[in-house]
Amino acid sequence: MLTLSEIVELKSIVKSGADTELHFHDVCPKPFFTLDKTDSEIQKIINTFLSSKKHVAVYSADGLQFTIERDRSC
């Protein structure tokens, strides 16, 4: 999982790069994120950031929600 400072950084990058809000939900059993809107460019921004941290996003069918997992290919 990301650190709190990395979550804040990701939220800022999404807001400035895609003009949408990223929300973090710290719940059991697994924290998750939601977006106000999504498209391939927003997902690319998120995926690029997570890749640099050796993580991947696992998106819901509508792309508005995702969890984060460790990138096992590293």
PDB file of N, CA and C in Angstrom:
ATOM      1  N   MET A   1       0.842  -1.187   0.000  1.00  0.00           N
ATOM      2  CA  MET A   1       0.000   0.000   0.000  1.00  0.00           C
ATOM      3  C   MET A   1       0.874   1.233   0.000  1.00  0.00           C
ATOM      4  N   LEU A   2       0.300   2.324  -0.424  1.00  0.00           N
ATOM      5  CA  LEU A   2       1.015   3.601  -0.455  1.00  0.00           C
ATOM      6  C   LEU A   2       1.065   4.235   0.932  1.00  0.00           C
ATOM      7  N   THR A   3       2.057   5.081   1.141  1.00  0.00           N
ATOM      8  CA  THR A   3       2.119   5.861   2.368  1.00  0.00           C
ATOM      9  C   THR A   3       1.115   7.003   2.263  1.00  0.00           C
ATOM     10  N   LEU A   4       0.831   7.628   3.386  1.00  0.00           N
ATOM     11  CA  LEU A   4      -0.100   8.762   3.382  1.00  0.00           C
ATOM     12  C   LEU A   4       0.410   9.891   2.495  1.00  0.00           C
ATOM     13  N   SER A   5       1.696  10.166   2.535  1.00  0.00           N
ATOM     14  CA  SER A   5       2.249  11.244   1.690  1.00  0.00           C
ATOM     15  C   SER A   5       2.148  10.887   0.205  1.00  0.00           C
ATOM     16  N   GLU A   6       2.293   9.608  -0.144  1.00  0.00           N
ATOM     17  CA  GLU A   6       2.136   9.194  -1.545  1.00  0.00           C
ATOM     18  C   GLU A   6       0.682   9.315  -1.989  1.00  0.00           C
ATOM     19  N   ILE A   7      -0.255   9.026  -1.097  1.00  0.00           N
ATOM     20  CA  ILE A   7      -1.676   9.182  -1.417  1.00  0.00           C
ATOM     21  C   ILE A   7      -1.998  10.646  -1.680  1.00  0.00           C
ATOM     22  N   VAL A   8      -1.476  11.538  -0.834  1.00  0.00           N
ATOM     23  CA  VAL A   8      -1.680  12.976  -1.028  1.00  0.00           C
ATOM     24  C   VAL A   8      -1.073  13.418  -2.357  1.00  0.00           C
ATOM     25  N   GLU A   9       0.104  12.912  -2.669  1.00  0.00           N
ATOM     26  CA  GLU A   9       0.759  13.245  -3.939  1.00  0.00           C
ATOM     27  C   GLU A   9      -0.077  12.761  -5.126  1.00  0.00           C
ATOM     28  N   LEU A  10      -0.578  11.542  -5.066  1.00  0.00           N
ATOM     29  CA  LEU A  10      -1.407  11.007  -6.151  1.00  0.00           C
ATOM     30  C   LEU A  10      -2.683  11.822  -6.321  1.00  0.00           C
ATOM     31  N   LYS A  11      -3.336  12.170  -5.217  1.00  0.00           N
ATOM     32  CA  LYS A  11      -4.546  12.998  -5.290  1.00  0.00           C
ATOM     33  C   LYS A  11      -4.247  14.323  -5.994  1.00  0.00           C
ATOM     34  N   SER A  12      -3.123  14.937  -5.667  1.00  0.00           N
ATOM     35  CA  SER A  12      -2.734  16.208  -6.280  1.00  0.00           C
ATOM     36  C   SER A  12      -2.450  16.052  -7.774  1.00  0.00           C
ATOM     37  N   ILE A  13      -1.763  14.988  -8.138  1.00  0.00           N
ATOM     38  CA  ILE A  13      -1.446  14.739  -9.549  1.00  0.00           C
ATOM     39  C   ILE A  13      -2.720  14.528 -10.359  1.00  0.00           C
ATOM     40  N   VAL A  14      -3.661  13.766  -9.819  1.00  0.00           N
ATOM     41  CA  VAL A  14      -4.925  13.517 -10.525  1.00  0.00           C
ATOM     42  C   VAL A  14      -5.708  14.814 -10.665  1.00  0.00           C
ATOM     43  N   LYS A  15      -5.762  15.608  -9.601  1.00  0.00           N
ATOM     44  CA  LYS A  15      -6.507  16.877  -9.638  1.00  0.00           C
ATOM     45  C   LYS A  15      -5.912  17.825 -10.681  1.00  0.00           C
ATOM     46  N   SER A  16      -4.596  17.973 -10.681  1.00  0.00           N
ATOM     47  CA  SER A  16      -3.971  18.919 -11.613  1.00  0.00           C
ATOM     48  C   SER A  16      -3.907  18.385 -13.043  1.00  0.00           C
ATOM     49  N   GLY A  17      -3.735  17.080 -13.203  1.00  0.00           N
ATOM     50  CA  GLY A  17      -3.587  16.514 -14.543  1.00  0.00           C
ATOM     51  C   GLY A  17      -4.873  16.128 -15.219  1.00  0.00           C
ATOM     52  N   ALA A  18      -5.938  15.904 -14.433  1.00  0.00           N
ATOM     53  CA  ALA A  18      -7.177  15.412 -15.026  1.00  0.00           C
ATOM     54  C   ALA A  18      -8.401  16.192 -14.578  1.00  0.00           C
ATOM     55  N   ASP A  19      -8.216  17.171 -13.723  1.00  0.00           N
ATOM     56  CA  ASP A  19      -9.311  18.003 -13.223  1.00  0.00           C
ATOM     57  C   ASP A  19     -10.473  17.169 -12.689  1.00  0.00           C
ATOM     58  N   THR A  20     -10.139  16.177 -11.883  1.00  0.00           N
ATOM     59  CA  THR A  20     -11.147  15.385 -11.188  1.00  0.00           C
ATOM     60  C   THR A  20     -10.630  15.050  -9.793  1.00  0.00           C
ATOM     61  N   GLU A  21     -11.540  14.684  -8.919  1.00  0.00           N
ATOM     62  CA  GLU A  21     -11.167  14.369  -7.544  1.00  0.00           C
ATOM     63  C   GLU A  21     -10.941  12.867  -7.377  1.00  0.00           C
ATOM     64  N   LEU A  22      -9.889  12.539  -6.646  1.00  0.00           N
ATOM     65  CA  LEU A  22      -9.603  11.179  -6.250  1.00  0.00           C
ATOM     66  C   LEU A  22      -9.865  11.093  -4.750  1.00  0.00           C
ATOM     67  N   HIS A  23     -10.672  10.119  -4.336  1.00  0.00           N
ATOM     68  CA  HIS A  23     -11.042   9.965  -2.931  1.00  0.00           C
ATOM     69  C   HIS A  23     -10.450   8.669  -2.391  1.00  0.00           C
ATOM     70  N   PHE A  24      -9.879   8.738  -1.200  1.00  0.00           N
ATOM     71  CA  PHE A  24      -9.308   7.570  -0.540  1.00  0.00           C
ATOM     72  C   PHE A  24     -10.245   7.108   0.567  1.00  0.00           C
ATOM     73  N   HIS A  25     -10.531   5.806   0.603  1.00  0.00           N
ATOM     74  CA  HIS A  25     -11.423   5.219   1.603  1.00  0.00           C
ATOM     75  C   HIS A  25     -10.634   4.174   2.391  1.00  0.00           C
ATOM     76  N   ASP A  26     -10.306   4.510   3.616  1.00  0.00           N
ATOM     77  CA  ASP A  26      -9.502   3.628   4.459  1.00  0.00           C
ATOM     78  C   ASP A  26     -10.426   2.734   5.272  1.00  0.00           C
ATOM     79  N   VAL A  27     -10.837   1.623   4.663  1.00  0.00           N
ATOM     80  CA  VAL A  27     -11.803   0.707   5.290  1.00  0.00           C
ATOM     81  C   VAL A  27     -11.261  -0.720   5.279  1.00  0.00           C
ATOM     82  N   CYS A  28     -11.814  -1.525   6.176  1.00  0.00           N
ATOM     83  CA  CYS A  28     -11.469  -2.951   6.208  1.00  0.00           C
ATOM     84  C   CYS A  28     -12.410  -3.696   5.278  1.00  0.00           C
ATOM     85  N   PRO A  29     -12.018  -4.706   4.598  1.00  0.00           N
ATOM     86  CA  PRO A  29     -10.735  -5.359   4.744  1.00  0.00           C
ATOM     87  C   PRO A  29      -9.646  -4.758   3.869  1.00  0.00           C
ATOM     88  N   LYS A  30     -10.014  -3.892   2.929  1.00  0.00           N
ATOM     89  CA  LYS A  30      -9.004  -3.352   2.020  1.00  0.00           C
ATOM     90  C   LYS A  30      -9.345  -1.914   1.644  1.00  0.00           C
ATOM     91  N   PRO A  31      -8.422  -0.984   1.856  1.00  0.00           N
ATOM     92  CA  PRO A  31      -8.646   0.400   1.434  1.00  0.00           C
ATOM     93  C   PRO A  31      -8.856   0.467  -0.085  1.00  0.00           C
ATOM     94  N   PHE A  32      -9.611   1.492  -0.520  1.00  0.00           N
ATOM     95  CA  PHE A  32      -9.835   1.660  -1.952  1.00  0.00           C
ATOM     96  C   PHE A  32      -9.962   3.142  -2.288  1.00  0.00           C
ATOM     97  N   PHE A  33      -9.923   3.428  -3.575  1.00  0.00           N
ATOM     98  CA  PHE A  33     -10.025   4.788  -4.102  1.00  0.00           C
ATOM     99  C   PHE A  33     -11.246   4.876  -4.997  1.00  0.00           C
ATOM    100  N   THR A  34     -11.850   6.069  -5.059  1.00  0.00           N
ATOM    101  CA  THR A  34     -12.910   6.330  -6.024  1.00  0.00           C
ATOM    102  C   THR A  34     -12.592   7.627  -6.760  1.00  0.00           C
ATOM    103  N   LEU A  35     -13.127   7.724  -7.965  1.00  0.00           N
ATOM    104  CA  LEU A  35     -12.957   8.904  -8.813  1.00  0.00           C
ATOM    105  C   LEU A  35     -14.323   9.501  -9.116  1.00  0.00           C
ATOM    106  N   ASP A  36     -14.380  10.829  -9.280  1.00  0.00           N
ATOM    107  CA  ASP A  36     -15.624  11.479  -9.678  1.00  0.00           C
ATOM    108  C   ASP A  36     -15.953  11.192 -11.139  1.00  0.00           C
ATOM    109  N   LYS A  37     -14.912  11.020 -11.946  1.00  0.00           N
ATOM    110  CA  LYS A  37     -15.071  10.649 -13.356  1.00  0.00           C
ATOM    111  C   LYS A  37     -13.814   9.909 -13.761  1.00  0.00           C
ATOM    112  N   THR A  38     -13.885   9.189 -14.873  1.00  0.00           N
ATOM    113  CA  THR A  38     -12.700   8.478 -15.337  1.00  0.00           C
ATOM    114  C   THR A  38     -12.698   8.376 -16.854  1.00  0.00           C
ATOM    115  N   ASP A  39     -11.542   8.155 -17.389  1.00  0.00           N
ATOM    116  CA  ASP A  39     -11.329   7.857 -18.800  1.00  0.00           C
ATOM    117  C   ASP A  39      -9.925   7.277 -18.927  1.00  0.00           C
ATOM    118  N   SER A  40      -9.526   6.956 -20.131  1.00  0.00           N
ATOM    119  CA  SER A  40      -8.219   6.307 -20.314  1.00  0.00           C
ATOM    120  C   SER A  40      -7.059   7.215 -19.905  1.00  0.00           C
ATOM    121  N   GLU A  41      -7.197   8.526 -20.083  1.00  0.00           N
ATOM    122  CA  GLU A  41      -6.121   9.444 -19.695  1.00  0.00           C
ATOM    123  C   GLU A  41      -5.970   9.516 -18.174  1.00  0.00           C
ATOM    124  N   ILE A  42      -7.075   9.531 -17.463  1.00  0.00           N
ATOM    125  CA  ILE A  42      -7.015   9.549 -15.997  1.00  0.00           C
ATOM    126  C   ILE A  42      -6.378   8.259 -15.502  1.00  0.00           C
ATOM    127  N   GLN A  43      -6.784   7.141 -16.058  1.00  0.00           N
ATOM    128  CA  GLN A  43      -6.194   5.868 -15.654  1.00  0.00           C
ATOM    129  C   GLN A  43      -4.708   5.818 -15.990  1.00  0.00           C
ATOM    130  N   LYS A  44      -4.318   6.426 -17.097  1.00  0.00           N
ATOM    131  CA  LYS A  44      -2.897   6.464 -17.466  1.00  0.00           C
ATOM    132  C   LYS A  44      -2.094   7.256 -16.428  1.00  0.00           C
ATOM    133  N   ILE A  45      -2.638   8.376 -15.970  1.00  0.00           N
ATOM    134  CA  ILE A  45      -1.970   9.186 -14.932  1.00  0.00           C
ATOM    135  C   ILE A  45      -1.787   8.356 -13.666  1.00  0.00           C
ATOM    136  N   ILE A  46      -2.845   7.689 -13.250  1.00  0.00           N
ATOM    137  CA  ILE A  46      -2.789   6.862 -12.041  1.00  0.00           C
ATOM    138  C   ILE A  46      -1.814   5.708 -12.221  1.00  0.00           C
ATOM    139  N   ASN A  47      -1.916   5.017 -13.345  1.00  0.00           N
ATOM    140  CA  ASN A  47      -1.050   3.860 -13.592  1.00  0.00           C
ATOM    141  C   ASN A  47       0.423   4.245 -13.661  1.00  0.00           C
ATOM    142  N   THR A  48       0.733   5.376 -14.244  1.00  0.00           N
ATOM    143  CA  THR A  48       2.121   5.845 -14.323  1.00  0.00           C
ATOM    144  C   THR A  48       2.677   6.116 -12.936  1.00  0.00           C
ATOM    145  N   PHE A  49       1.891   6.805 -12.109  1.00  0.00           N
ATOM    146  CA  PHE A  49       2.331   7.087 -10.738  1.00  0.00           C
ATOM    147  C   PHE A  49       2.540   5.786  -9.970  1.00  0.00           C
ATOM    148  N   LEU A  50       1.568   4.889 -10.034  1.00  0.00           N
ATOM    149  CA  LEU A  50       1.666   3.644  -9.273  1.00  0.00           C
ATOM    150  C   LEU A  50       2.818   2.774  -9.752  1.00  0.00           C
ATOM    151  N   SER A  51       3.059   2.766 -11.038  1.00  0.00           N
ATOM    152  CA  SER A  51       4.169   1.998 -11.586  1.00  0.00           C
ATOM    153  C   SER A  51       5.499   2.464 -10.998  1.00  0.00           C
ATOM    154  N   SER A  52       5.641   3.765 -10.815  1.00  0.00           N
ATOM    155  CA  SER A  52       6.884   4.301 -10.246  1.00  0.00           C
ATOM    156  C   SER A  52       7.065   3.875  -8.788  1.00  0.00           C
ATOM    157  N   LYS A  53       5.981   3.464  -8.149  1.00  0.00           N
ATOM    158  CA  LYS A  53       6.012   3.006  -6.747  1.00  0.00           C
ATOM    159  C   LYS A  53       5.941   1.482  -6.656  1.00  0.00           C
ATOM    160  N   LYS A  54       6.030   0.808  -7.827  1.00  0.00           N
ATOM    161  CA  LYS A  54       5.958  -0.650  -7.908  1.00  0.00           C
ATOM    162  C   LYS A  54       4.618  -1.215  -7.431  1.00  0.00           C
ATOM    163  N   HIS A  55       3.552  -0.514  -7.813  1.00  0.00           N
ATOM    164  CA  HIS A  55       2.188  -0.935  -7.517  1.00  0.00           C
ATOM    165  C   HIS A  55       1.363  -0.908  -8.801  1.00  0.00           C
ATOM    166  N   VAL A  56       0.221  -1.570  -8.777  1.00  0.00           N
ATOM    167  CA  VAL A  56      -0.725  -1.535  -9.893  1.00  0.00           C
ATOM    168  C   VAL A  56      -2.123  -1.274  -9.348  1.00  0.00           C
ATOM    169  N   ALA A  57      -2.946  -0.658 -10.179  1.00  0.00           N
ATOM    170  CA  ALA A  57      -4.347  -0.413  -9.828  1.00  0.00           C
ATOM    171  C   ALA A  57      -5.192  -1.555 -10.382  1.00  0.00           C
ATOM    172  N   VAL A  58      -6.162  -1.982  -9.599  1.00  0.00           N
ATOM    173  CA  VAL A  58      -7.135  -2.977 -10.038  1.00  0.00           C
ATOM    174  C   VAL A  58      -8.484  -2.257 -10.041  1.00  0.00           C
ATOM    175  N   TYR A  59      -8.965  -1.950 -11.261  1.00  0.00           N
ATOM    176  CA  TYR A  59     -10.158  -1.118 -11.438  1.00  0.00           C
ATOM    177  C   TYR A  59     -11.443  -1.933 -11.425  1.00  0.00           C
ATOM    178  N   SER A  60     -12.512  -1.302 -10.957  1.00  0.00           N
ATOM    179  CA  SER A  60     -13.851  -1.884 -11.060  1.00  0.00           C
ATOM    180  C   SER A  60     -14.281  -1.842 -12.526  1.00  0.00           C
ATOM    181  N   ALA A  61     -15.380  -2.513 -12.840  1.00  0.00           N
ATOM    182  CA  ALA A  61     -15.862  -2.575 -14.223  1.00  0.00           C
ATOM    183  C   ALA A  61     -16.134  -1.193 -14.805  1.00  0.00           C
ATOM    184  N   ASP A  62     -16.647  -0.259 -13.998  1.00  0.00           N
ATOM    185  CA  ASP A  62     -16.942   1.078 -14.516  1.00  0.00           C
ATOM    186  C   ASP A  62     -15.735   2.020 -14.448  1.00  0.00           C
ATOM    187  N   GLY A  63     -14.633   1.575 -13.854  1.00  0.00           N
ATOM    188  CA  GLY A  63     -13.409   2.377 -13.793  1.00  0.00           C
ATOM    189  C   GLY A  63     -13.428   3.480 -12.759  1.00  0.00           C
ATOM    190  N   LEU A  64     -14.494   3.591 -11.978  1.00  0.00           N
ATOM    191  CA  LEU A  64     -14.603   4.672 -10.996  1.00  0.00           C
ATOM    192  C   LEU A  64     -14.078   4.293  -9.617  1.00  0.00           C
ATOM    193  N   GLN A  65     -13.689   3.054  -9.451  1.00  0.00           N
ATOM    194  CA  GLN A  65     -13.166   2.587  -8.172  1.00  0.00           C
ATOM    195  C   GLN A  65     -11.973   1.678  -8.437  1.00  0.00           C
ATOM    196  N   PHE A  66     -10.962   1.737  -7.562  1.00  0.00           N
ATOM    197  CA  PHE A  66      -9.837   0.819  -7.697  1.00  0.00           C
ATOM    198  C   PHE A  66      -9.167   0.561  -6.356  1.00  0.00           C
ATOM    199  N   THR A  67      -8.512  -0.588  -6.301  1.00  0.00           N
ATOM    200  CA  THR A  67      -7.651  -0.935  -5.182  1.00  0.00           C
ATOM    201  C   THR A  67      -6.226  -0.971  -5.696  1.00  0.00           C
ATOM    202  N   ILE A  68      -5.295  -1.042  -4.787  1.00  0.00           N
ATOM    203  CA  ILE A  68      -3.888  -1.071  -5.167  1.00  0.00           C
ATOM    204  C   ILE A  68      -3.263  -2.366  -4.686  1.00  0.00           C
ATOM    205  N   GLU A  69      -2.469  -2.968  -5.582  1.00  0.00           N
ATOM    206  CA  GLU A  69      -1.733  -4.174  -5.239  1.00  0.00           C
ATOM    207  C   GLU A  69      -0.265  -3.983  -5.613  1.00  0.00           C
ATOM    208  N   ARG A  70       0.575  -4.742  -4.953  1.00  0.00           N
ATOM    209  CA  ARG A  70       1.993  -4.740  -5.260  1.00  0.00           C
ATOM    210  C   ARG A  70       2.190  -5.307  -6.647  1.00  0.00           C
ATOM    211  N   ASP A  71       3.016  -4.673  -7.469  1.00  0.00           N
ATOM    212  CA  ASP A  71       3.309  -5.165  -8.819  1.00  0.00           C
ATOM    213  C   ASP A  71       4.204  -6.404  -8.702  1.00  0.00           C
ATOM    214  N   ARG A  72       3.668  -7.546  -9.020  1.00  0.00           N
ATOM    215  CA  ARG A  72       4.400  -8.805  -8.853  1.00  0.00           C
ATOM    216  C   ARG A  72       5.399  -9.054  -9.973  1.00  0.00           C
ATOM    217  N   SER A  73       5.370  -8.237 -11.010  1.00  0.00           N
ATOM    218  CA  SER A  73       6.302  -8.436 -12.119  1.00  0.00           C
ATOM    219  C   SER A  73       7.659  -7.781 -11.856  1.00  0.00           C
ATOM    220  N   CYS A  74       7.774  -7.035 -10.772  1.00  0.00           N
ATOM    221  CA  CYS A  74       9.041  -6.354 -10.453  1.00  0.00           C
ATOM    222  C   CYS A  74      10.030  -7.295  -9.823  1.00  0.00           C
TER     223      CYS A  74
END
